[in-house]
Amino acid sequence: MISNYLKEYFKEKKISQYEIERKTGISRSKINLTLNGKRKLTAEELIKIAIVFNIDLNKIKEI
C-alpha cells in the first residue's frame, strides 16, 4: 500500500508531518489520514510529494 511505503519512508528520513505540510502545501490532517490508511492521495498530491522529497515513482508504481 502506498500509504505504508510513504509512512516508512518519512519515518526513516525523520520527516515530520509538519515538514511535509510546509513543503507541499498539503494539510497535516490530510497527510495524517493518508499515512494512517484512512484516505487516498490524489495523483497531484502524490506527484508533489515525490518531487519535493525525491521519491522514485517507479518504486511506488510497483506497490
PDB file of N, CA and C in Angstrom:
ATOM      1  N   MET A   1       0.838  -1.183   0.000  1.00  0.00           N
ATOM      2  CA  MET A   1       0.000   0.000   0.000  1.00  0.00           C
ATOM      3  C   MET A   1       0.888   1.253   0.000  1.00  0.00           C
ATOM      4  N   ILE A   2       0.505   2.228  -0.781  1.00  0.00           N
ATOM      5  CA  ILE A   2       1.300   3.443  -0.921  1.00  0.00           C
ATOM      6  C   ILE A   2       1.451   4.165   0.415  1.00  0.00           C
ATOM      7  N   SER A   3       0.384   4.219   1.181  1.00  0.00           N
ATOM      8  CA  SER A   3       0.448   4.933   2.465  1.00  0.00           C
ATOM      9  C   SER A   3       1.479   4.304   3.397  1.00  0.00           C
ATOM     10  N   ASN A   4       1.568   2.973   3.397  1.00  0.00           N
ATOM     11  CA  ASN A   4       2.562   2.292   4.239  1.00  0.00           C
ATOM     12  C   ASN A   4       3.979   2.613   3.776  1.00  0.00           C
ATOM     13  N   TYR A   5       4.187   2.614   2.464  1.00  0.00           N
ATOM     14  CA  TYR A   5       5.505   2.925   1.913  1.00  0.00           C
ATOM     15  C   TYR A   5       5.929   4.343   2.320  1.00  0.00           C
ATOM     16  N   LEU A   6       5.004   5.302   2.154  1.00  0.00           N
ATOM     17  CA  LEU A   6       5.329   6.689   2.497  1.00  0.00           C
ATOM     18  C   LEU A   6       5.556   6.850   3.996  1.00  0.00           C
ATOM     19  N   LYS A   7       4.742   6.185   4.793  1.00  0.00           N
ATOM     20  CA  LYS A   7       4.892   6.273   6.249  1.00  0.00           C
ATOM     21  C   LYS A   7       6.281   5.795   6.670  1.00  0.00           C
ATOM     22  N   GLU A   8       6.725   4.671   6.125  1.00  0.00           N
ATOM     23  CA  GLU A   8       8.052   4.138   6.445  1.00  0.00           C
ATOM     24  C   GLU A   8       9.159   5.046   5.906  1.00  0.00           C
ATOM     25  N   TYR A   9       8.963   5.561   4.698  1.00  0.00           N
ATOM     26  CA  TYR A   9       9.953   6.453   4.091  1.00  0.00           C
ATOM     27  C   TYR A   9      10.165   7.689   4.968  1.00  0.00           C
ATOM     28  N   PHE A  10       9.072   8.329   5.368  1.00  0.00           N
ATOM     29  CA  PHE A  10       9.177   9.537   6.185  1.00  0.00           C
ATOM     30  C   PHE A  10       9.734   9.222   7.569  1.00  0.00           C
ATOM     31  N   LYS A  11       9.398   8.060   8.098  1.00  0.00           N
ATOM     32  CA  LYS A  11       9.922   7.656   9.409  1.00  0.00           C
ATOM     33  C   LYS A  11      11.439   7.461   9.332  1.00  0.00           C
ATOM     34  N   GLU A  12      11.911   6.761   8.295  1.00  0.00           N
ATOM     35  CA  GLU A  12      13.353   6.523   8.110  1.00  0.00           C
ATOM     36  C   GLU A  12      14.122   7.827   7.941  1.00  0.00           C
ATOM     37  N   LYS A  13      13.535   8.760   7.209  1.00  0.00           N
ATOM     38  CA  LYS A  13      14.198  10.035   6.919  1.00  0.00           C
ATOM     39  C   LYS A  13      13.958  11.074   8.017  1.00  0.00           C
ATOM     40  N   LYS A  14      13.171  10.687   9.027  1.00  0.00           N
ATOM     41  CA  LYS A  14      12.836  11.592  10.136  1.00  0.00           C
ATOM     42  C   LYS A  14      12.186  12.883   9.632  1.00  0.00           C
ATOM     43  N   ILE A  15      11.231  12.715   8.723  1.00  0.00           N
ATOM     44  CA  ILE A  15      10.496  13.839   8.157  1.00  0.00           C
ATOM     45  C   ILE A  15       9.133  13.896   8.841  1.00  0.00           C
ATOM     46  N   SER A  16       8.844  15.025   9.463  1.00  0.00           N
ATOM     47  CA  SER A  16       7.591  15.175  10.201  1.00  0.00           C
ATOM     48  C   SER A  16       6.431  15.541   9.267  1.00  0.00           C
ATOM     49  N   GLN A  17       5.230  15.335   9.778  1.00  0.00           N
ATOM     50  CA  GLN A  17       4.043  15.735   9.018  1.00  0.00           C
ATOM     51  C   GLN A  17       4.029  17.250   8.826  1.00  0.00           C
ATOM     52  N   TYR A  18       4.529  17.971   9.805  1.00  0.00           N
ATOM     53  CA  TYR A  18       4.621  19.429   9.677  1.00  0.00           C
ATOM     54  C   TYR A  18       5.512  19.807   8.490  1.00  0.00           C
ATOM     55  N   GLU A  19       6.652  19.123   8.367  1.00  0.00           N
ATOM     56  CA  GLU A  19       7.570  19.418   7.261  1.00  0.00           C
ATOM     57  C   GLU A  19       6.937  19.067   5.922  1.00  0.00           C
ATOM     58  N   ILE A  20       6.207  17.961   5.871  1.00  0.00           N
ATOM     59  CA  ILE A  20       5.521  17.581   4.632  1.00  0.00           C
ATOM     60  C   ILE A  20       4.523  18.671   4.257  1.00  0.00           C
ATOM     61  N   GLU A  21       3.758  19.126   5.248  1.00  0.00           N
ATOM     62  CA  GLU A  21       2.773  20.187   5.010  1.00  0.00           C
ATOM     63  C   GLU A  21       3.456  21.462   4.516  1.00  0.00           C
ATOM     64  N   ARG A  22       4.515  21.844   5.189  1.00  0.00           N
ATOM     65  CA  ARG A  22       5.220  23.094   4.860  1.00  0.00           C
ATOM     66  C   ARG A  22       5.787  23.062   3.439  1.00  0.00           C
ATOM     67  N   LYS A  23       6.336  21.919   3.047  1.00  0.00           N
ATOM     68  CA  LYS A  23       6.995  21.836   1.740  1.00  0.00           C
ATOM     69  C   LYS A  23       6.045  21.535   0.585  1.00  0.00           C
ATOM     70  N   THR A  24       4.890  20.921   0.872  1.00  0.00           N
ATOM     71  CA  THR A  24       3.976  20.552  -0.211  1.00  0.00           C
ATOM     72  C   THR A  24       2.688  21.358  -0.247  1.00  0.00           C
ATOM     73  N   GLY A  25       2.339  21.956   0.895  1.00  0.00           N
ATOM     74  CA  GLY A  25       1.074  22.676   0.956  1.00  0.00           C
ATOM     75  C   GLY A  25      -0.122  21.780   1.223  1.00  0.00           C
ATOM     76  N   ILE A  26       0.119  20.488   1.426  1.00  0.00           N
ATOM     77  CA  ILE A  26      -0.958  19.551   1.753  1.00  0.00           C
ATOM     78  C   ILE A  26      -1.163  19.616   3.266  1.00  0.00           C
ATOM     79  N   SER A  27      -2.402  19.779   3.692  1.00  0.00           N
ATOM     80  CA  SER A  27      -2.669  19.956   5.119  1.00  0.00           C
ATOM     81  C   SER A  27      -2.245  18.742   5.938  1.00  0.00           C
ATOM     82  N   ARG A  28      -1.852  19.011   7.184  1.00  0.00           N
ATOM     83  CA  ARG A  28      -1.433  17.927   8.084  1.00  0.00           C
ATOM     84  C   ARG A  28      -2.557  16.935   8.324  1.00  0.00           C
ATOM     85  N   SER A  29      -3.792  17.413   8.365  1.00  0.00           N
ATOM     86  CA  SER A  29      -4.901  16.477   8.582  1.00  0.00           C
ATOM     87  C   SER A  29      -5.014  15.498   7.416  1.00  0.00           C
ATOM     88  N   LYS A  30      -4.847  15.965   6.191  1.00  0.00           N
ATOM     89  CA  LYS A  30      -4.875  15.067   5.024  1.00  0.00           C
ATOM     90  C   LYS A  30      -3.680  14.118   5.059  1.00  0.00           C
ATOM     91  N   ILE A  31      -2.521  14.634   5.414  1.00  0.00           N
ATOM     92  CA  ILE A  31      -1.317  13.800   5.490  1.00  0.00           C
ATOM     93  C   ILE A  31      -1.496  12.724   6.540  1.00  0.00           C
ATOM     94  N   ASN A  32      -2.009  13.109   7.711  1.00  0.00           N
ATOM     95  CA  ASN A  32      -2.210  12.164   8.797  1.00  0.00           C
ATOM     96  C   ASN A  32      -3.176  11.064   8.380  1.00  0.00           C
ATOM     97  N   LEU A  33      -4.301  11.439   7.794  1.00  0.00           N
ATOM     98  CA  LEU A  33      -5.277  10.440   7.345  1.00  0.00           C
ATOM     99  C   LEU A  33      -4.670   9.512   6.296  1.00  0.00           C
ATOM    100  N   THR A  34      -3.884  10.069   5.403  1.00  0.00           N
ATOM    101  CA  THR A  34      -3.250   9.277   4.351  1.00  0.00           C
ATOM    102  C   THR A  34      -2.246   8.292   4.926  1.00  0.00           C
ATOM    103  N   LEU A  35      -1.358   8.770   5.791  1.00  0.00           N
ATOM    104  CA  LEU A  35      -0.316   7.903   6.347  1.00  0.00           C
ATOM    105  C   LEU A  35      -0.893   6.822   7.250  1.00  0.00           C
ATOM    106  N   ASN A  36      -2.109   7.034   7.734  1.00  0.00           N
ATOM    107  CA  ASN A  36      -2.768   6.030   8.572  1.00  0.00           C
ATOM    108  C   ASN A  36      -3.782   5.195   7.798  1.00  0.00           C
ATOM    109  N   GLY A  37      -3.715   5.289   6.466  1.00  0.00           N
ATOM    110  CA  GLY A  37      -4.525   4.441   5.605  1.00  0.00           C
ATOM    111  C   GLY A  37      -6.009   4.759   5.578  1.00  0.00           C
ATOM    112  N   LYS A  38      -6.397   5.962   5.993  1.00  0.00           N
ATOM    113  CA  LYS A  38      -7.810   6.329   6.038  1.00  0.00           C
ATOM    114  C   LYS A  38      -8.225   7.244   4.892  1.00  0.00           C
ATOM    115  N   ARG A  39      -7.257   7.597   4.054  1.00  0.00           N
ATOM    116  CA  ARG A  39      -7.504   8.495   2.924  1.00  0.00           C
ATOM    117  C   ARG A  39      -6.495   8.186   1.840  1.00  0.00           C
ATOM    118  N   LYS A  40      -6.939   8.232   0.595  1.00  0.00           N
ATOM    119  CA  LYS A  40      -6.022   8.040  -0.522  1.00  0.00           C
ATOM    120  C   LYS A  40      -5.536   9.391  -1.019  1.00  0.00           C
ATOM    121  N   LEU A  41      -4.277   9.420  -1.430  1.00  0.00           N
ATOM    122  CA  LEU A  41      -3.724  10.630  -2.032  1.00  0.00           C
ATOM    123  C   LEU A  41      -4.296  10.816  -3.421  1.00  0.00           C
ATOM    124  N   THR A  42      -4.438  12.055  -3.824  1.00  0.00           N
ATOM    125  CA  THR A  42      -4.771  12.313  -5.218  1.00  0.00           C
ATOM    126  C   THR A  42      -3.480  12.142  -6.023  1.00  0.00           C
ATOM    127  N   ALA A  43      -3.610  11.980  -7.314  1.00  0.00           N
ATOM    128  CA  ALA A  43      -2.428  11.853  -8.169  1.00  0.00           C
ATOM    129  C   ALA A  43      -1.562  13.108  -8.046  1.00  0.00           C
ATOM    130  N   GLU A  44      -2.202  14.265  -7.991  1.00  0.00           N
ATOM    131  CA  GLU A  44      -1.467  15.530  -7.875  1.00  0.00           C
ATOM    132  C   GLU A  44      -0.675  15.582  -6.566  1.00  0.00           C
ATOM    133  N   GLU A  45      -1.290  15.152  -5.467  1.00  0.00           N
ATOM    134  CA  GLU A  45      -0.612  15.160  -4.172  1.00  0.00           C
ATOM    135  C   GLU A  45       0.576  14.200  -4.183  1.00  0.00           C
ATOM    136  N   LEU A  46       0.376  13.024  -4.753  1.00  0.00           N
ATOM    137  CA  LEU A  46       1.449  12.036  -4.812  1.00  0.00           C
ATOM    138  C   LEU A  46       2.630  12.557  -5.625  1.00  0.00           C
ATOM    139  N   ILE A  47       2.357  13.156  -6.746  1.00  0.00           N
ATOM    140  CA  ILE A  47       3.420  13.705  -7.591  1.00  0.00           C
ATOM    141  C   ILE A  47       4.154  14.830  -6.859  1.00  0.00           C
ATOM    142  N   LYS A  48       3.400  15.683  -6.185  1.00  0.00           N
ATOM    143  CA  LYS A  48       4.010  16.788  -5.436  1.00  0.00           C
ATOM    144  C   LYS A  48       4.946  16.247  -4.359  1.00  0.00           C
ATOM    145  N   ILE A  49       4.486  15.252  -3.606  1.00  0.00           N
ATOM    146  CA  ILE A  49       5.312  14.645  -2.555  1.00  0.00           C
ATOM    147  C   ILE A  49       6.550  13.999  -3.162  1.00  0.00           C
ATOM    148  N   ALA A  50       6.379  13.282  -4.270  1.00  0.00           N
ATOM    149  CA  ALA A  50       7.508  12.612  -4.914  1.00  0.00           C
ATOM    150  C   ALA A  50       8.557  13.607  -5.380  1.00  0.00           C
ATOM    151  N   ILE A  51       8.126  14.711  -5.946  1.00  0.00           N
ATOM    152  CA  ILE A  51       9.071  15.722  -6.429  1.00  0.00           C
ATOM    153  C   ILE A  51       9.797  16.383  -5.265  1.00  0.00           C
ATOM    154  N   VAL A  52       9.047  16.827  -4.276  1.00  0.00           N
ATOM    155  CA  VAL A  52       9.627  17.566  -3.153  1.00  0.00           C
ATOM    156  C   VAL A  52      10.602  16.701  -2.357  1.00  0.00           C
ATOM    157  N   PHE A  53      10.253  15.426  -2.160  1.00  0.00           N
ATOM    158  CA  PHE A  53      11.079  14.559  -1.313  1.00  0.00           C
ATOM    159  C   PHE A  53      11.916  13.558  -2.111  1.00  0.00           C
ATOM    160  N   ASN A  54      11.995  13.767  -3.424  1.00  0.00           N
ATOM    161  CA  ASN A  54      12.842  12.955  -4.297  1.00  0.00           C
ATOM    162  C   ASN A  54      12.543  11.455  -4.152  1.00  0.00           C
ATOM    163  N   ILE A  55      11.269  11.119  -4.252  1.00  0.00           N
ATOM    164  CA  ILE A  55      10.827   9.731  -4.171  1.00  0.00           C
ATOM    165  C   ILE A  55      10.643   9.201  -5.580  1.00  0.00           C
ATOM    166  N   ASP A  56      11.185   8.039  -5.844  1.00  0.00           N
ATOM    167  CA  ASP A  56      11.082   7.416  -7.169  1.00  0.00           C
ATOM    168  C   ASP A  56       9.676   6.868  -7.367  1.00  0.00           C
ATOM    169  N   LEU A  57       8.942   7.448  -8.318  1.00  0.00           N
ATOM    170  CA  LEU A  57       7.580   6.988  -8.577  1.00  0.00           C
ATOM    171  C   LEU A  57       7.549   5.565  -9.130  1.00  0.00           C
ATOM    172  N   ASN A  58       8.640   5.110  -9.719  1.00  0.00           N
ATOM    173  CA  ASN A  58       8.668   3.729 -10.214  1.00  0.00           C
ATOM    174  C   ASN A  58       8.589   2.740  -9.063  1.00  0.00           C
ATOM    175  N   LYS A  59       9.196   3.060  -7.917  1.00  0.00           N
ATOM    176  CA  LYS A  59       9.088   2.200  -6.750  1.00  0.00           C
ATOM    177  C   LYS A  59       7.648   2.155  -6.252  1.00  0.00           C
ATOM    178  N   ILE A  60       7.003   3.296  -6.262  1.00  0.00           N
ATOM    179  CA  ILE A  60       5.615   3.363  -5.820  1.00  0.00           C
ATOM    180  C   ILE A  60       4.723   2.610  -6.796  1.00  0.00           C
ATOM    181  N   LYS A  61       5.029   2.691  -8.062  1.00  0.00           N
ATOM    182  CA  LYS A  61       4.232   2.015  -9.093  1.00  0.00           C
ATOM    183  C   LYS A  61       4.216   0.502  -8.864  1.00  0.00           C
ATOM    184  N   GLU A  62       5.317  -0.030  -8.323  1.00  0.00           N
ATOM    185  CA  GLU A  62       5.419  -1.466  -8.095  1.00  0.00           C
ATOM    186  C   GLU A  62       4.568  -1.953  -6.917  1.00  0.00           C
ATOM    187  N   ILE A  63       4.142  -1.021  -6.082  1.00  0.00           N
ATOM    188  CA  ILE A  63       3.382  -1.393  -4.874  1.00  0.00           C
ATOM    189  C   ILE A  63       1.965  -1.789  -5.234  1.00  0.00           C
TER     190      ILE A  63
END
